[in-house]
Amino acid sequence: MVTEACKKNHITVNGQVAKPSKEVFPTDKITFRKDQITQIITVLDIPESRVGAKLVDIYRKNETPAETYAHLELLKLSKEHYRKGGTGRPTKKDRRDIDEYGNDIIDEEETE
């Protein structure tokens, strides 16, 4: 995926478009776009060998402003808010709400 992004000029290192073979050094800033957010990562150190996903944060620092994450949350909420009820196929959340409503009615009838 990263190779494809590099070939499409979506990744920059220190402000310059990066090729897939670009070497990265400590203090380099990597900028890329993911999930409608421009992410900024600073390389702190290079591991001597491959490391697991849990250890990657030791070698990098995420410098993406918090406002961009807040903006993404607002986008998600606005998409949910403006979805017109009754149009198209129900979402998973809609189906759960319908099932819960049906169970509530059955419970009320059993108690009477």
N, C-alpha and C. Protein backbone atom coordinates (compact mmCIF):
# COMPACT_ATOMS: atom_id res chain seq x y z
N MET A 1 0.83 -1.19 0.00
CA MET A 1 0.00 0.00 0.00
C MET A 1 0.88 1.26 0.00
N VAL A 2 1.94 1.21 0.79
CA VAL A 2 2.81 2.38 0.87
C VAL A 2 3.52 2.61 -0.46
N THR A 3 3.93 1.54 -1.11
CA THR A 3 4.60 1.67 -2.40
C THR A 3 3.67 2.34 -3.41
N GLU A 4 2.42 1.92 -3.42
CA GLU A 4 1.45 2.53 -4.33
C GLU A 4 1.26 4.01 -4.01
N ALA A 5 1.17 4.34 -2.72
CA ALA A 5 1.01 5.73 -2.32
C ALA A 5 2.21 6.56 -2.74
N CYS A 6 3.42 6.00 -2.62
CA CYS A 6 4.63 6.71 -3.06
C CYS A 6 4.60 6.94 -4.57
N LYS A 7 4.19 5.94 -5.31
CA LYS A 7 4.15 6.06 -6.77
C LYS A 7 3.14 7.12 -7.20
N LYS A 8 2.11 7.33 -6.42
CA LYS A 8 1.09 8.34 -6.73
C LYS A 8 1.41 9.70 -6.13
N ASN A 9 2.62 9.86 -5.58
CA ASN A 9 3.07 11.11 -4.97
C ASN A 9 2.21 11.56 -3.80
N HIS A 10 1.75 10.61 -2.98
CA HIS A 10 0.91 10.94 -1.83
C HIS A 10 1.72 11.05 -0.54
N ILE A 11 2.99 10.70 -0.57
CA ILE A 11 3.82 10.71 0.63
C ILE A 11 5.00 11.66 0.40
N THR A 12 5.24 12.52 1.41
CA THR A 12 6.40 13.40 1.34
C THR A 12 7.29 13.17 2.55
N VAL A 13 8.59 13.32 2.36
CA VAL A 13 9.56 13.25 3.44
C VAL A 13 10.30 14.58 3.45
N ASN A 14 10.18 15.30 4.55
CA ASN A 14 10.78 16.64 4.68
C ASN A 14 10.34 17.57 3.55
N GLY A 15 9.08 17.48 3.15
CA GLY A 15 8.53 18.37 2.14
C GLY A 15 8.80 17.97 0.71
N GLN A 16 9.54 16.89 0.47
CA GLN A 16 9.83 16.43 -0.88
C GLN A 16 9.10 15.12 -1.13
N VAL A 17 8.58 14.97 -2.34
CA VAL A 17 7.87 13.75 -2.71
C VAL A 17 8.82 12.57 -2.58
N ALA A 18 8.35 11.50 -1.95
CA ALA A 18 9.20 10.34 -1.67
C ALA A 18 8.95 9.23 -2.69
N LYS A 19 10.02 8.57 -3.07
CA LYS A 19 9.94 7.37 -3.90
C LYS A 19 9.92 6.17 -2.95
N PRO A 20 9.48 5.00 -3.43
CA PRO A 20 9.43 3.83 -2.55
C PRO A 20 10.79 3.44 -1.97
N SER A 21 11.88 3.76 -2.65
CA SER A 21 13.20 3.37 -2.17
C SER A 21 13.86 4.43 -1.28
N LYS A 22 13.15 5.48 -0.95
CA LYS A 22 13.71 6.58 -0.15
C LYS A 22 14.12 6.09 1.23
N GLU A 23 15.36 6.38 1.61
CA GLU A 23 15.83 6.04 2.96
C GLU A 23 15.34 7.11 3.92
N VAL A 24 14.96 6.66 5.11
CA VAL A 24 14.46 7.57 6.13
C VAL A 24 15.44 7.58 7.29
N PHE A 25 15.70 8.76 7.82
CA PHE A 25 16.65 8.92 8.91
C PHE A 25 15.95 9.56 10.11
N PRO A 26 16.54 9.44 11.30
CA PRO A 26 15.96 10.11 12.47
C PRO A 26 15.81 11.61 12.22
N THR A 27 14.77 12.18 12.77
CA THR A 27 14.34 13.59 12.65
C THR A 27 13.66 13.91 11.33
N ASP A 28 13.49 12.93 10.42
CA ASP A 28 12.74 13.18 9.19
C ASP A 28 11.26 13.29 9.51
N LYS A 29 10.57 14.18 8.79
CA LYS A 29 9.13 14.34 8.94
C LYS A 29 8.45 13.72 7.72
N ILE A 30 7.57 12.77 7.97
CA ILE A 30 6.84 12.08 6.91
C ILE A 30 5.40 12.59 6.94
N THR A 31 4.91 13.02 5.79
CA THR A 31 3.55 13.54 5.69
C THR A 31 2.79 12.69 4.68
N PHE A 32 1.59 12.27 5.06
CA PHE A 32 0.74 11.48 4.17
C PHE A 32 -0.71 11.71 4.55
N ARG A 33 -1.60 11.34 3.64
CA ARG A 33 -3.03 11.54 3.86
C ARG A 33 -3.69 10.18 4.04
N LYS A 34 -4.43 10.04 5.15
CA LYS A 34 -5.13 8.79 5.44
C LYS A 34 -6.44 9.12 6.12
N ASP A 35 -7.53 8.53 5.66
CA ASP A 35 -8.87 8.75 6.23
C ASP A 35 -9.22 10.23 6.30
N GLN A 36 -8.97 10.97 5.24
CA GLN A 36 -9.27 12.40 5.14
C GLN A 36 -8.50 13.26 6.13
N ILE A 37 -7.39 12.76 6.64
CA ILE A 37 -6.54 13.52 7.56
C ILE A 37 -5.13 13.53 7.00
N THR A 38 -4.50 14.69 7.01
CA THR A 38 -3.10 14.78 6.65
C THR A 38 -2.28 14.49 7.91
N GLN A 39 -1.65 13.34 7.93
CA GLN A 39 -0.88 12.90 9.10
C GLN A 39 0.56 13.37 8.99
N ILE A 40 1.14 13.76 10.12
CA ILE A 40 2.54 14.16 10.18
C ILE A 40 3.24 13.29 11.21
N ILE A 41 4.24 12.53 10.77
CA ILE A 41 4.97 11.62 11.64
C ILE A 41 6.44 12.04 11.63
N THR A 42 7.05 12.10 12.82
CA THR A 42 8.47 12.38 12.92
C THR A 42 9.18 11.09 13.32
N VAL A 43 10.24 10.75 12.61
CA VAL A 43 11.02 9.55 12.90
C VAL A 43 11.96 9.87 14.05
N LEU A 44 11.85 9.14 15.15
CA LEU A 44 12.72 9.36 16.30
C LEU A 44 13.99 8.53 16.21
N ASP A 45 13.87 7.30 15.75
CA ASP A 45 15.01 6.40 15.65
C ASP A 45 14.67 5.30 14.67
N ILE A 46 15.67 4.61 14.19
CA ILE A 46 15.47 3.48 13.28
C ILE A 46 15.81 2.20 14.03
N PRO A 47 14.88 1.23 14.09
CA PRO A 47 15.20 -0.03 14.77
C PRO A 47 16.25 -0.83 14.00
N GLU A 48 17.01 -1.62 14.73
CA GLU A 48 18.05 -2.42 14.08
C GLU A 48 17.46 -3.57 13.28
N SER A 49 16.33 -4.07 13.72
CA SER A 49 15.65 -5.15 13.00
C SER A 49 14.15 -4.88 13.04
N ARG A 50 13.39 -5.75 12.43
CA ARG A 50 11.94 -5.57 12.40
C ARG A 50 11.38 -5.65 13.81
N VAL A 51 10.35 -4.87 14.08
CA VAL A 51 9.72 -4.87 15.40
C VAL A 51 8.22 -5.08 15.22
N GLY A 52 7.57 -5.52 16.29
CA GLY A 52 6.13 -5.71 16.26
C GLY A 52 5.39 -4.39 16.23
N ALA A 53 4.12 -4.45 15.90
CA ALA A 53 3.31 -3.24 15.77
C ALA A 53 3.21 -2.47 17.08
N LYS A 54 3.21 -3.17 18.21
CA LYS A 54 3.10 -2.49 19.50
C LYS A 54 4.33 -1.66 19.83
N LEU A 55 5.47 -1.99 19.25
CA LEU A 55 6.71 -1.28 19.55
C LEU A 55 7.02 -0.15 18.58
N VAL A 56 6.21 0.02 17.56
CA VAL A 56 6.49 1.05 16.55
C VAL A 56 6.45 2.45 17.15
N ASP A 57 5.57 2.68 18.12
CA ASP A 57 5.44 4.02 18.70
C ASP A 57 6.71 4.48 19.42
N ILE A 58 7.61 3.58 19.75
CA ILE A 58 8.88 3.96 20.37
C ILE A 58 9.75 4.71 19.37
N TYR A 59 9.59 4.40 18.09
CA TYR A 59 10.46 4.94 17.06
C TYR A 59 9.85 6.09 16.26
N ARG A 60 8.64 6.49 16.59
CA ARG A 60 8.01 7.58 15.85
C ARG A 60 7.21 8.47 16.79
N LYS A 61 6.93 9.67 16.33
CA LYS A 61 6.11 10.61 17.10
C LYS A 61 5.07 11.18 16.16
N ASN A 62 3.81 11.07 16.56
CA ASN A 62 2.72 11.58 15.75
C ASN A 62 2.53 13.05 16.08
N GLU A 63 2.76 13.92 15.10
CA GLU A 63 2.64 15.36 15.31
C GLU A 63 1.44 15.94 14.59
N THR A 64 0.47 15.10 14.28
CA THR A 64 -0.75 15.57 13.65
C THR A 64 -1.53 16.40 14.67
N PRO A 65 -1.95 17.61 14.30
CA PRO A 65 -2.69 18.45 15.25
C PRO A 65 -3.99 17.79 15.70
N ALA A 66 -4.32 18.00 16.97
CA ALA A 66 -5.54 17.39 17.53
C ALA A 66 -6.80 17.92 16.85
N GLU A 67 -6.73 19.14 16.31
CA GLU A 67 -7.91 19.71 15.64
C GLU A 67 -8.34 18.89 14.43
N THR A 68 -7.38 18.26 13.76
CA THR A 68 -7.74 17.46 12.59
C THR A 68 -8.53 16.22 12.98
N TYR A 69 -8.19 15.63 14.14
CA TYR A 69 -8.96 14.47 14.61
C TYR A 69 -10.36 14.91 15.03
N ALA A 70 -10.46 16.07 15.66
CA ALA A 70 -11.77 16.60 16.05
C ALA A 70 -12.62 16.87 14.80
N HIS A 71 -11.98 17.39 13.76
CA HIS A 71 -12.69 17.65 12.51
C HIS A 71 -13.21 16.36 11.90
N LEU A 72 -12.43 15.28 11.96
CA LEU A 72 -12.85 13.99 11.44
C LEU A 72 -14.06 13.47 12.21
N GLU A 73 -14.06 13.63 13.52
CA GLU A 73 -15.20 13.21 14.34
C GLU A 73 -16.46 13.97 13.95
N LEU A 74 -16.32 15.28 13.71
CA LEU A 74 -17.46 16.08 13.28
C LEU A 74 -17.99 15.61 11.94
N LEU A 75 -17.09 15.24 11.03
CA LEU A 75 -17.53 14.71 9.74
C LEU A 75 -18.34 13.44 9.90
N LYS A 76 -17.87 12.54 10.76
CA LYS A 76 -18.59 11.29 11.00
C LYS A 76 -19.96 11.55 11.59
N LEU A 77 -20.02 12.45 12.57
CA LEU A 77 -21.30 12.76 13.20
C LEU A 77 -22.26 13.42 12.22
N SER A 78 -21.74 14.29 11.36
CA SER A 78 -22.62 14.96 10.41
C SER A 78 -23.18 13.97 9.39
N LYS A 79 -22.38 12.98 8.99
CA LYS A 79 -22.88 11.98 8.06
C LYS A 79 -24.01 11.17 8.68
N GLU A 80 -23.87 10.83 9.96
CA GLU A 80 -24.92 10.08 10.64
C GLU A 80 -26.17 10.94 10.82
N HIS A 81 -25.96 12.21 11.12
CA HIS A 81 -27.10 13.09 11.39
C HIS A 81 -27.95 13.32 10.15
N TYR A 82 -27.31 13.50 9.00
CA TYR A 82 -28.04 13.85 7.79
C TYR A 82 -28.52 12.64 7.01
N ARG A 83 -28.32 11.45 7.54
CA ARG A 83 -28.85 10.26 6.86
C ARG A 83 -30.36 10.26 7.03
N LYS A 84 -31.07 10.22 5.94
CA LYS A 84 -32.53 10.25 6.01
C LYS A 84 -33.05 8.89 6.42
N GLY A 85 -33.88 8.87 7.43
CA GLY A 85 -34.47 7.61 7.88
C GLY A 85 -35.43 7.06 6.85
N GLY A 86 -35.37 5.77 6.64
CA GLY A 86 -36.31 5.15 5.73
C GLY A 86 -35.84 5.09 4.29
N THR A 87 -34.71 5.68 3.97
CA THR A 87 -34.24 5.61 2.59
C THR A 87 -33.14 4.57 2.50
N GLY A 88 -33.31 3.65 1.61
CA GLY A 88 -32.30 2.62 1.42
C GLY A 88 -32.40 1.53 2.48
N ARG A 89 -31.41 0.71 2.47
CA ARG A 89 -31.34 -0.43 3.37
C ARG A 89 -30.96 0.03 4.78
N PRO A 90 -31.59 -0.54 5.83
CA PRO A 90 -31.23 -0.13 7.20
C PRO A 90 -29.79 -0.49 7.53
N THR A 91 -29.15 0.36 8.29
CA THR A 91 -27.80 0.07 8.74
C THR A 91 -27.86 -0.96 9.85
N LYS A 92 -26.71 -1.45 10.25
CA LYS A 92 -26.65 -2.42 11.35
C LYS A 92 -27.23 -1.81 12.63
N LYS A 93 -26.92 -0.55 12.88
CA LYS A 93 -27.44 0.13 14.06
C LYS A 93 -28.96 0.24 13.97
N ASP A 94 -29.49 0.57 12.79
CA ASP A 94 -30.94 0.65 12.60
C ASP A 94 -31.59 -0.71 12.88
N ARG A 95 -30.99 -1.80 12.40
CA ARG A 95 -31.56 -3.13 12.62
C ARG A 95 -31.55 -3.48 14.10
N ARG A 96 -30.48 -3.13 14.79
CA ARG A 96 -30.43 -3.39 16.24
C ARG A 96 -31.51 -2.61 16.97
N ASP A 97 -31.71 -1.35 16.58
CA ASP A 97 -32.76 -0.54 17.21
C ASP A 97 -34.14 -1.14 16.95
N ILE A 98 -34.36 -1.62 15.74
CA ILE A 98 -35.65 -2.24 15.40
C ILE A 98 -35.87 -3.50 16.24
N ASP A 99 -34.83 -4.33 16.33
CA ASP A 99 -34.93 -5.55 17.14
C ASP A 99 -35.20 -5.22 18.60
N GLU A 100 -34.50 -4.22 19.12
CA GLU A 100 -34.68 -3.84 20.52
C GLU A 100 -36.10 -3.31 20.75
N TYR A 101 -36.61 -2.53 19.82
CA TYR A 101 -37.98 -2.01 19.93
C TYR A 101 -38.99 -3.15 19.91
N GLY A 102 -38.77 -4.13 19.02
CA GLY A 102 -39.67 -5.29 18.95
C GLY A 102 -39.63 -6.11 20.23
N ASN A 103 -38.46 -6.29 20.83
CA ASN A 103 -38.34 -7.03 22.08
C ASN A 103 -39.03 -6.30 23.23
N ASP A 104 -38.97 -4.97 23.23
CA ASP A 104 -39.63 -4.18 24.27
C ASP A 104 -41.15 -4.37 24.21
N ILE A 105 -41.71 -4.40 23.01
CA ILE A 105 -43.15 -4.58 22.85
C ILE A 105 -43.57 -5.97 23.31
N ILE A 106 -42.78 -6.99 22.98
CA ILE A 106 -43.09 -8.36 23.39
C ILE A 106 -43.03 -8.48 24.91
N ASP A 107 -42.05 -7.85 25.54
CA ASP A 107 -41.92 -7.87 26.99
C ASP A 107 -43.11 -7.22 27.67
N GLU A 108 -43.62 -6.12 27.08
CA GLU A 108 -44.78 -5.43 27.65
C GLU A 108 -46.03 -6.31 27.56
N GLU A 109 -46.20 -7.02 26.44
CA GLU A 109 -47.37 -7.87 26.26
C GLU A 109 -47.35 -9.05 27.24
N GLU A 110 -46.16 -9.57 27.55
CA GLU A 110 -46.04 -10.71 28.46
C GLU A 110 -46.35 -10.31 29.89
N THR A 111 -46.06 -9.08 30.26
CA THR A 111 -46.31 -8.63 31.64
C THR A 111 -47.77 -8.31 31.87
N GLU A 112 -48.56 -8.10 30.82
CA GLU A 112 -49.99 -7.76 30.99
C GLU A 112 -50.82 -8.95 31.28
